Amino acid sequence: MSIAENIFKSYDIRGLIKGELSEDLAYKIGRSFAVFLKKNNLFTKGQKVVSGRDMRLTSLGFQNEVIRGLNDEGLDVVNIGLCSTPFFNFACAYYSNYAGGVMVTASHNPAEYNGFKFTLGSGLAVGKENGLMDLKNLVLDNDFEEVSEKGKVEDIEIFADYRDRVFSLVKKENIKPLKIVVDAGNGMAKVTLPKILSELPVEVEYLYLEPDGNFPNHEANPLKLETLQDLQKKVLETQADFGFALDGDADRIGLVDEKGDIVEASFVGALLGLAVLKNHPGAKMLYDLRSSKSVAEIWQASGASVEMCKVGHSNIKKQMRDVDAVFASELSLHIYFGDVYKLEITDLSLLYILQILSEDNRSLSEIWHSMQKYHHSGEINFEIEDKEEVLKKLKEKYSDAKILELDGFSFYYEDFWFNVRLSNTEPVLRLNLEADSEELMKKKVKEVSEIIKK
């Protein structure tokens, strides 16, 4: 079977189950990751590699072949079985005798996809900038030497250590009785979240908690607003304090307030950042350059040192390490906690929201609407053929702006700004624009969109 090179993305390997992925490929990926670790001095004798998987129909078969590939390359494997990505990444980072791991998952993608994520023992993801292309070459070369001693595999349970770390940051006694709705999207949230919430004085109604790789209810992607409709209805029906949604591998979130309204991503990040800042006064905080200007202003007003970051979890986790940041917020609602190896820990995000509402007399809608100062377009996607020509036109039209080339191109004026960037995962150009008034925002979105589409 020839290997489709398009499956090698910026942050992982991901593709269609039919025609792009196979158990044979999974075996090659296992062997290649073992060689990658050894060649780059990321593995020391006696260390083991973590293996986990999501609930997709092909994930068990792919995981078994990844393990066989790692074992055939001489590496011992610890199998944590069905898991969320945060749980898997915690396992890789928490235990000093683990060199990293491979998780079989396609994250928030629909049922016809699967994939593989790679994490180092530091918790840092392997992406395009730090080794994924080397891994790609090893898979394509398919040139492996026989090893004298094959590795072994053992099943392990790590929940107790994970739970203890989460509760070391949010005290159970500080949480008041609240009513919440959780939409697990038939993904991997069930591995950890119900056990953690069972220790708190909260009333929880779950939607679609059972892991099911067919995704029979809706796509497990909270960024698609239509996937939150059931959660919105249930919050209103049960008069809950808020609703919380997770994607397929439970590493990104969605938040719905008590009025059934979706909390804008910028303000989810702003809220969680303030909670972390209470434990780390004056600390460094990162925000995705697509976010509302309000995020930086809110954190700075609370004493934080603030810095922009590029899009993408491997970029953000590296920058957090480089500048010693305690928190980072991404507009895709990946939320990163310095207290847990710079990882996305969605269970912790939920606990912080509970803590915020327990300490504040206001409702969630009152809290987040009080943060809104500007008018953000949200992310608008365009399929275009000549990307360079579009960027050239935009730079000519807005040549009098302050231009930042951190990730794509950002154009700044006194009363509005916008960013255009190529997607890391899809063949599209993405636009985010914010203005001081709704009228100006709509006017400028129309103006920029017309240039992009010409």
Protein backbone atom coordinates (compact mmCIF):
# COMPACT_ATOMS: atom_id res chain seq x y z
CA MET A 1 0.00 0.00 0.00
CA SER A 2 1.43 3.39 -0.99
CA ILE A 3 1.35 6.03 1.74
CA ALA A 4 -0.56 9.27 1.09
CA GLU A 5 1.79 12.07 2.15
CA ASN A 6 -1.13 14.42 2.86
CA ILE A 7 -1.81 12.51 6.10
CA PHE A 8 1.25 14.15 7.66
CA LYS A 9 -0.21 17.34 9.12
CA SER A 10 1.32 20.18 11.11
CA TYR A 11 0.63 18.59 14.50
CA ASP A 12 -0.08 14.91 13.90
CA ILE A 13 -0.81 12.19 11.37
CA ARG A 14 -4.47 12.18 10.37
CA GLY A 15 -6.44 10.76 7.47
CA LEU A 16 -9.38 8.77 6.15
CA ILE A 17 -9.80 5.23 7.44
CA LYS A 18 -10.56 4.05 3.91
CA GLY A 19 -7.70 4.54 1.50
CA GLU A 20 -5.27 6.51 3.69
CA LEU A 21 -4.76 4.66 6.98
CA SER A 22 -4.18 0.98 7.72
CA GLU A 23 -2.89 -1.37 10.42
CA ASP A 24 0.26 -1.87 8.34
CA LEU A 25 0.86 1.88 8.44
CA ALA A 26 0.22 1.89 12.22
CA TYR A 27 2.95 -0.73 12.64
CA LYS A 28 5.40 1.39 10.63
CA ILE A 29 4.47 4.43 12.72
CA GLY A 30 5.23 2.51 15.92
CA ARG A 31 8.64 1.44 14.68
CA SER A 32 9.39 4.89 13.28
CA PHE A 33 8.56 6.64 16.55
CA ALA A 34 10.89 4.27 18.40
CA VAL A 35 13.72 5.01 15.93
CA PHE A 36 12.98 8.74 16.15
CA LEU A 37 13.29 8.70 19.95
CA LYS A 38 16.57 6.77 19.86
CA LYS A 39 18.17 8.78 17.03
CA ASN A 40 17.41 12.10 18.72
CA ASN A 41 18.58 11.05 22.20
CA LEU A 42 15.03 11.34 23.53
CA PHE A 43 15.12 7.85 25.03
CA THR A 44 17.40 6.43 27.71
CA LYS A 45 17.83 2.78 28.61
CA GLY A 46 15.12 1.59 30.97
CA GLN A 47 12.51 4.08 29.83
CA LYS A 48 9.16 3.03 28.41
CA VAL A 49 6.72 4.47 25.86
CA VAL A 50 3.05 5.24 26.54
CA SER A 51 0.29 3.91 24.28
CA GLY A 52 -3.31 5.11 24.33
CA ARG A 53 -6.35 5.28 22.06
CA ASP A 54 -9.74 6.88 21.58
CA MET A 55 -13.07 5.12 20.92
CA ARG A 56 -13.01 5.13 17.11
CA LEU A 57 -13.86 1.81 15.50
CA THR A 58 -10.35 1.28 14.10
CA SER A 59 -8.43 2.62 17.11
CA LEU A 60 -7.90 -0.68 18.94
CA GLY A 61 -6.50 -2.38 15.83
CA PHE A 62 -4.24 0.59 15.08
CA GLN A 63 -3.07 0.76 18.70
CA ASN A 64 -2.17 -2.93 18.76
CA GLU A 65 -0.02 -2.46 15.66
CA VAL A 66 1.66 0.67 17.05
CA ILE A 67 2.56 -1.34 20.18
CA ARG A 68 3.88 -4.21 18.07
CA GLY A 69 6.03 -1.77 16.09
CA LEU A 70 7.44 -0.21 19.27
CA ASN A 71 8.12 -3.66 20.75
CA ASP A 72 9.81 -4.90 17.55
CA GLU A 73 12.13 -1.91 17.80
CA GLY A 74 13.08 -3.04 21.33
CA LEU A 75 11.03 -0.59 23.39
CA ASP A 76 8.84 -1.52 26.35
CA VAL A 77 5.31 -0.10 26.26
CA VAL A 78 2.82 0.91 28.95
CA ASN A 79 -0.74 0.64 27.68
CA ILE A 80 -3.23 3.03 29.31
CA GLY A 81 -6.02 1.90 26.96
CA LEU A 82 -9.01 4.13 26.25
CA CYS A 83 -8.09 7.67 27.23
CA SER A 84 -8.50 11.35 26.51
CA THR A 85 -5.60 13.29 25.01
CA PRO A 86 -5.09 15.29 28.26
CA PHE A 87 -4.94 12.02 30.24
CA PHE A 88 -2.50 10.53 27.73
CA ASN A 89 -0.25 13.62 27.69
CA PHE A 90 -0.24 13.68 31.50
CA ALA A 91 1.00 10.09 31.52
CA CYS A 92 3.84 10.97 29.15
CA ALA A 93 4.94 13.99 31.22
CA TYR A 94 4.29 12.96 34.83
CA TYR A 95 6.38 9.81 35.02
CA SER A 96 10.13 10.27 34.61
CA ASN A 97 10.63 6.74 33.26
CA TYR A 98 8.39 7.37 30.24
CA ALA A 99 10.10 8.77 27.13
CA GLY A 100 6.85 9.85 25.45
CA GLY A 101 4.07 8.13 23.62
CA VAL A 102 1.75 7.58 20.68
CA MET A 103 -2.00 8.08 20.94
CA VAL A 104 -4.39 6.82 18.30
CA THR A 105 -7.01 9.53 17.75
CA ALA A 106 -8.44 11.87 15.13
CA SER A 107 -9.45 14.40 17.80
CA HIS A 108 -12.58 16.33 16.69
CA ASN A 109 -12.72 14.91 13.14
CA PRO A 110 -15.81 12.96 11.97
CA ALA A 111 -16.12 9.18 12.22
CA GLU A 112 -14.49 8.40 8.87
CA TYR A 113 -11.12 9.69 10.14
CA ASN A 114 -8.46 8.43 12.49
CA GLY A 115 -4.90 9.44 13.28
CA PHE A 116 -1.86 9.44 15.55
CA LYS A 117 -0.55 12.04 18.01
CA PHE A 118 3.01 12.02 19.35
CA THR A 119 4.16 13.38 22.71
CA LEU A 120 7.63 13.54 24.30
CA GLY A 121 8.43 12.82 27.93
CA SER A 122 8.40 16.56 28.62
CA GLY A 123 4.75 16.74 27.52
CA LEU A 124 5.79 18.62 24.38
CA ALA A 125 3.94 17.55 21.25
CA VAL A 126 5.90 16.44 18.20
CA GLY A 127 4.85 18.76 15.36
CA LYS A 128 6.10 19.97 12.01
CA GLU A 129 8.63 22.30 13.66
CA ASN A 130 10.22 19.73 15.98
CA GLY A 131 10.41 16.32 14.38
CA LEU A 132 7.21 15.29 12.62
CA MET A 133 8.84 15.60 9.20
CA ASP A 134 11.72 13.37 10.41
CA LEU A 135 9.10 10.88 11.54
CA LYS A 136 7.41 11.13 8.16
CA ASN A 137 10.68 10.26 6.39
CA LEU A 138 11.22 7.24 8.63
CA VAL A 139 7.70 5.97 7.85
CA LEU A 140 8.15 6.49 4.11
CA ASP A 141 11.62 4.90 4.05
CA ASN A 142 10.33 1.82 5.89
CA ASP A 143 13.93 0.70 6.49
CA PHE A 144 14.18 -0.93 9.92
CA GLU A 145 16.95 -3.10 11.34
CA GLU A 146 16.30 -6.20 13.40
CA VAL A 147 16.88 -5.75 17.13
CA SER A 148 18.28 -8.47 19.36
CA GLU A 149 15.67 -8.14 22.10
CA LYS A 150 12.07 -7.15 21.59
CA GLY A 151 10.17 -5.00 24.06
CA LYS A 152 7.30 -5.97 26.33
CA VAL A 153 3.89 -4.42 27.02
CA GLU A 154 2.07 -3.92 30.32
CA ASP A 155 -1.31 -2.39 31.14
CA ILE A 156 -1.28 0.36 33.79
CA GLU A 157 -3.79 2.57 35.64
CA ILE A 158 -2.83 6.21 36.27
CA PHE A 159 -6.11 7.90 37.24
CA ALA A 160 -5.22 8.36 40.92
CA ASP A 161 -2.10 10.40 40.07
CA TYR A 162 -4.02 12.47 37.52
CA ARG A 163 -6.85 13.15 39.95
CA ASP A 164 -4.44 14.20 42.71
CA ARG A 165 -2.69 16.70 40.43
CA VAL A 166 -5.97 18.27 39.30
CA PHE A 167 -7.31 18.60 42.84
CA SER A 168 -4.03 20.08 44.05
CA LEU A 169 -4.91 23.18 41.98
CA VAL A 170 -8.64 23.54 42.70
CA LYS A 171 -9.81 22.78 46.23
CA LYS A 172 -12.96 20.71 46.50
CA GLU A 173 -14.11 22.58 49.58
CA ASN A 174 -14.27 25.84 47.58
CA ILE A 175 -16.88 24.51 45.14
CA LYS A 176 -20.51 25.38 45.90
CA PRO A 177 -23.52 23.27 44.89
CA LEU A 178 -24.11 24.12 41.25
CA LYS A 179 -26.12 22.53 38.47
CA ILE A 180 -24.32 21.81 35.20
CA VAL A 181 -24.81 19.97 31.92
CA VAL A 182 -21.88 18.19 30.25
CA ASP A 183 -22.00 17.14 26.59
CA ALA A 184 -19.29 14.53 26.08
CA GLY A 185 -20.13 14.11 22.39
CA ASN A 186 -19.70 10.31 22.64
CA GLY A 187 -15.98 10.98 22.99
CA MET A 188 -13.39 10.28 25.66
CA ALA A 189 -14.52 12.56 28.51
CA LYS A 190 -15.98 9.58 30.38
CA VAL A 191 -12.49 8.31 31.24
CA THR A 192 -11.90 11.04 33.84
CA LEU A 193 -14.64 13.66 34.15
CA PRO A 194 -17.47 11.74 35.89
CA LYS A 195 -15.03 10.38 38.52
CA ILE A 196 -13.73 13.86 39.26
CA LEU A 197 -17.16 15.51 39.36
CA SER A 198 -18.49 12.74 41.62
CA GLU A 199 -16.28 14.16 44.39
CA LEU A 200 -17.92 17.60 44.20
CA PRO A 201 -21.27 18.95 45.48
CA VAL A 202 -22.56 19.55 41.96
CA GLU A 203 -25.58 18.21 40.13
CA VAL A 204 -24.53 16.97 36.69
CA GLU A 205 -26.64 15.97 33.71
CA TYR A 206 -24.64 14.21 31.01
CA LEU A 207 -25.38 14.19 27.31
CA TYR A 208 -23.86 11.50 25.09
CA LEU A 209 -21.41 10.27 27.73
CA GLU A 210 -20.85 6.79 26.30
CA PRO A 211 -17.82 6.62 23.96
CA ASP A 212 -19.01 5.70 20.47
CA GLY A 213 -16.84 5.97 17.38
CA ASN A 214 -19.93 6.29 15.18
CA PHE A 215 -20.78 9.67 16.80
CA PRO A 216 -24.51 8.87 16.61
CA ASN A 217 -25.73 12.19 18.06
CA HIS A 218 -23.53 14.92 16.60
CA GLU A 219 -19.97 15.58 15.52
CA ALA A 220 -17.74 15.95 18.59
CA ASN A 221 -16.43 19.41 17.73
CA PRO A 222 -17.53 22.31 19.98
CA LEU A 223 -16.09 24.84 17.52
CA LYS A 224 -18.98 24.04 15.19
CA LEU A 225 -21.78 25.97 16.84
CA GLU A 226 -24.45 23.59 15.55
CA THR A 227 -22.95 20.82 17.71
CA LEU A 228 -23.80 22.84 20.84
CA GLN A 229 -27.54 23.10 20.16
CA ASP A 230 -28.49 20.08 22.30
CA LEU A 231 -26.38 21.44 25.15
CA GLN A 232 -27.98 24.89 24.88
CA LYS A 233 -31.47 23.37 25.01
CA LYS A 234 -30.66 21.16 27.98
CA VAL A 235 -29.13 24.06 29.95
CA LEU A 236 -32.34 26.03 29.53
CA GLU A 237 -34.57 23.02 30.19
CA THR A 238 -32.81 22.11 33.45
CA GLN A 239 -32.10 25.72 34.51
CA ALA A 240 -28.43 24.81 34.85
CA ASP A 241 -25.73 27.29 35.85
CA PHE A 242 -23.81 26.48 32.65
CA GLY A 243 -23.12 23.84 30.01
CA PHE A 244 -19.74 22.34 29.14
CA ALA A 245 -18.89 20.52 25.90
CA LEU A 246 -15.85 18.49 24.85
CA ASP A 247 -14.53 17.24 21.53
CA GLY A 248 -13.78 13.63 20.56
CA ASP A 249 -10.47 13.28 22.41
CA ALA A 250 -11.55 15.76 25.11
CA ASP A 251 -8.74 18.28 24.69
CA ARG A 252 -10.86 21.28 23.63
CA ILE A 253 -13.99 22.71 25.16
CA GLY A 254 -17.14 24.70 24.55
CA LEU A 255 -18.97 26.76 27.16
CA VAL A 256 -22.65 27.76 27.32
CA ASP A 257 -23.98 30.22 29.91
CA GLU A 258 -27.17 29.89 31.97
CA LYS A 259 -29.14 31.74 29.28
CA GLY A 260 -28.18 29.12 26.70
CA ASP A 261 -25.79 31.48 24.91
CA ILE A 262 -22.39 30.30 23.70
CA VAL A 263 -19.56 32.04 25.54
CA GLU A 264 -17.18 33.51 22.95
CA ALA A 265 -13.84 31.71 22.88
CA SER A 266 -11.80 34.79 23.80
CA PHE A 267 -13.73 35.19 27.05
CA VAL A 268 -13.53 31.51 27.99
CA GLY A 269 -9.75 31.97 27.84
CA ALA A 270 -9.87 35.32 29.63
CA LEU A 271 -11.91 33.84 32.50
CA LEU A 272 -9.70 30.80 32.97
CA GLY A 273 -6.58 32.96 32.78
CA LEU A 274 -7.84 35.13 35.64
CA ALA A 275 -8.40 32.02 37.77
CA VAL A 276 -4.83 30.87 37.14
CA LEU A 277 -3.47 34.37 37.76
CA LYS A 278 -4.82 34.26 41.33
CA ASN A 279 -2.33 31.46 42.01
CA HIS A 280 0.48 33.18 40.07
CA PRO A 281 0.35 36.97 40.58
CA GLY A 282 2.25 38.93 37.92
CA ALA A 283 2.94 35.81 35.85
CA LYS A 284 3.47 35.54 32.09
CA MET A 285 0.31 34.70 30.08
CA LEU A 286 -0.01 33.90 26.38
CA TYR A 287 -2.95 34.55 24.09
CA ASP A 288 -3.55 33.44 20.50
CA LEU A 289 -3.09 36.41 18.14
CA ARG A 290 -6.64 35.90 16.77
CA SER A 291 -8.19 36.61 20.17
CA SER A 292 -10.04 39.76 21.17
CA LYS A 293 -7.88 42.67 22.35
CA SER A 294 -9.91 42.42 25.54
CA VAL A 295 -8.00 39.32 26.65
CA ALA A 296 -4.65 41.10 26.95
CA GLU A 297 -6.27 44.15 28.51
CA ILE A 298 -8.13 42.10 31.14
CA TRP A 299 -5.05 40.13 32.16
CA GLN A 300 -2.79 43.20 32.22
CA ALA A 301 -5.31 45.02 34.41
CA SER A 302 -4.94 42.12 36.86
CA GLY A 303 -1.15 42.41 36.87
CA ALA A 304 -0.15 39.80 34.30
CA SER A 305 2.71 40.06 31.83
CA VAL A 306 1.11 39.31 28.45
CA GLU A 307 2.49 38.02 25.16
CA MET A 308 0.93 36.99 21.82
CA CYS A 309 1.44 33.49 20.48
CA LYS A 310 1.09 31.69 17.17
CA VAL A 311 -1.72 29.23 16.50
CA GLY A 312 -1.23 25.50 17.16
CA HIS A 313 -0.54 23.43 20.25
CA SER A 314 3.06 22.49 19.43
CA ASN A 315 3.89 26.19 18.83
CA ILE A 316 2.16 27.31 22.01
CA LYS A 317 3.64 24.65 24.28
CA LYS A 318 7.13 25.49 23.04
CA GLN A 319 6.61 29.23 23.57
CA MET A 320 5.25 28.59 27.06
CA ARG A 321 8.50 26.82 27.87
CA ASP A 322 10.66 29.47 26.21
CA VAL A 323 9.13 32.38 28.18
CA ASP A 324 8.06 30.44 31.30
CA ALA A 325 4.34 31.19 30.87
CA VAL A 326 1.85 29.81 33.40
CA PHE A 327 -1.13 29.86 31.04
CA ALA A 328 -2.07 30.10 27.36
CA SER A 329 -5.42 30.53 25.65
CA GLU A 330 -6.05 29.51 22.05
CA LEU A 331 -9.13 30.60 20.09
CA SER A 332 -9.78 26.96 19.16
CA LEU A 333 -10.44 26.49 22.89
CA HIS A 334 -7.38 24.49 23.62
CA ILE A 335 -6.46 25.85 27.07
CA TYR A 336 -2.94 25.27 28.42
CA PHE A 337 -1.92 25.11 32.08
CA GLY A 338 1.67 25.69 33.18
CA ASP A 339 0.90 23.92 36.45
CA VAL A 340 0.34 20.67 34.52
CA TYR A 341 3.30 20.54 32.12
CA LYS A 342 1.85 23.22 29.78
CA LEU A 343 -0.89 20.76 28.78
CA GLU A 344 -4.55 21.09 27.85
CA ILE A 345 -6.39 19.69 30.89
CA THR A 346 -10.10 20.06 30.21
CA ASP A 347 -11.08 18.59 33.58
CA LEU A 348 -9.15 21.45 35.20
CA SER A 349 -10.86 24.00 32.93
CA LEU A 350 -14.23 22.77 34.15
CA LEU A 351 -13.14 22.89 37.80
CA TYR A 352 -11.91 26.46 37.38
CA ILE A 353 -15.26 27.51 35.91
CA LEU A 354 -16.97 25.93 38.93
CA GLN A 355 -14.56 27.78 41.23
CA ILE A 356 -15.16 31.12 39.47
CA LEU A 357 -18.95 30.80 39.83
CA SER A 358 -18.59 29.64 43.44
CA GLU A 359 -16.58 32.75 44.35
CA ASP A 360 -18.51 35.33 42.27
CA ASN A 361 -22.09 36.34 43.05
CA ARG A 362 -22.79 37.00 39.38
CA SER A 363 -24.06 34.53 36.78
CA LEU A 364 -21.75 33.31 34.00
CA SER A 365 -23.56 35.52 31.46
CA GLU A 366 -23.05 38.60 33.63
CA ILE A 367 -19.37 37.81 34.12
CA TRP A 368 -18.42 37.25 30.50
CA HIS A 369 -20.58 40.01 29.02
CA SER A 370 -18.92 42.48 31.39
CA MET A 371 -15.64 41.65 29.62
CA GLN A 372 -16.92 42.48 26.13
CA LYS A 373 -15.62 45.78 24.87
CA TYR A 374 -15.07 45.23 21.14
CA HIS A 375 -16.89 43.41 18.33
CA HIS A 376 -15.20 40.31 16.93
CA SER A 377 -16.16 38.66 13.66
CA GLY A 378 -15.31 35.14 14.70
CA GLU A 379 -13.25 33.06 12.29
CA ILE A 380 -14.35 33.25 8.63
CA ASN A 381 -12.93 30.72 6.15
CA PHE A 382 -12.29 31.18 2.44
CA GLU A 383 -11.28 28.52 -0.08
CA ILE A 384 -8.91 30.28 -2.48
CA GLU A 385 -6.51 29.12 -5.17
CA ASP A 386 -3.87 31.86 -5.38
CA LYS A 387 -3.05 32.57 -1.75
CA GLU A 388 0.03 34.67 -2.50
CA GLU A 389 -1.91 36.99 -4.79
CA VAL A 390 -4.54 37.56 -2.10
CA LEU A 391 -1.92 38.40 0.50
CA LYS A 392 -0.23 40.79 -1.93
CA LYS A 393 -3.53 42.64 -2.52
CA LEU A 394 -4.20 42.92 1.20
CA LYS A 395 -0.71 44.31 1.90
CA GLU A 396 -1.17 46.89 -0.85
CA LYS A 397 -4.64 47.94 0.32
CA TYR A 398 -3.65 48.19 3.99
CA SER A 399 -0.05 49.37 3.57
CA ASP A 400 -0.61 52.19 6.08
CA ALA A 401 -1.40 49.71 8.88
CA LYS A 402 0.97 48.41 11.50
CA ILE A 403 1.67 44.93 10.07
CA LEU A 404 2.69 41.93 12.18
CA GLU A 405 3.91 38.68 10.56
CA LEU A 406 3.86 36.43 13.64
CA ASP A 407 1.39 33.94 12.13
CA GLY A 408 0.04 34.92 8.73
CA PHE A 409 -0.45 38.70 8.50
CA SER A 410 -2.08 40.94 11.10
CA PHE A 411 -3.06 44.53 10.21
CA TYR A 412 -3.59 47.01 13.07
CA TYR A 413 -5.40 50.37 13.06
CA GLU A 414 -6.67 52.53 15.92
CA ASP A 415 -10.27 51.30 15.64
CA PHE A 416 -9.97 47.84 14.07
CA TRP A 417 -7.54 45.02 13.31
CA PHE A 418 -7.61 41.79 11.35
CA ASN A 419 -5.51 38.69 10.82
CA VAL A 420 -5.37 36.46 7.74
CA ARG A 421 -3.53 33.16 7.87
CA LEU A 422 -3.39 29.87 6.03
CA SER A 423 -4.89 26.97 7.94
CA ASN A 424 -2.42 24.41 9.28
CA THR A 425 -4.92 21.60 8.71
CA GLU A 426 -7.15 22.61 5.76
CA PRO A 427 -6.72 24.26 2.31
CA VAL A 428 -8.33 27.53 3.41
CA LEU A 429 -7.49 31.12 4.31
CA ARG A 430 -8.85 32.20 7.70
CA LEU A 431 -9.93 35.73 8.59
CA ASN A 432 -10.43 37.15 12.09
CA LEU A 433 -11.40 40.81 12.46
CA GLU A 434 -12.29 43.00 15.44
CA ALA A 435 -13.48 46.60 15.62
CA ASP A 436 -14.53 49.17 18.20
CA SER A 437 -18.16 49.07 16.98
CA GLU A 438 -20.40 46.42 15.45
CA GLU A 439 -21.10 48.67 12.48
CA LEU A 440 -17.40 49.11 11.72
CA MET A 441 -16.73 45.41 12.21
CA LYS A 442 -19.38 44.44 9.64
CA LYS A 443 -18.18 47.12 7.21
CA LYS A 444 -14.56 45.98 7.41
CA VAL A 445 -15.42 42.27 7.19
CA LYS A 446 -17.29 43.02 3.94
CA GLU A 447 -14.39 45.12 2.63
CA VAL A 448 -11.67 42.55 3.42
CA SER A 449 -13.81 39.63 2.23
CA GLU A 450 -14.33 41.24 -1.16
CA ILE A 451 -10.56 41.59 -1.63
CA ILE A 452 -9.99 37.96 -0.63
CA LYS A 453 -12.71 36.63 -2.99
CA LYS A 454 -11.73 38.71 -6.06
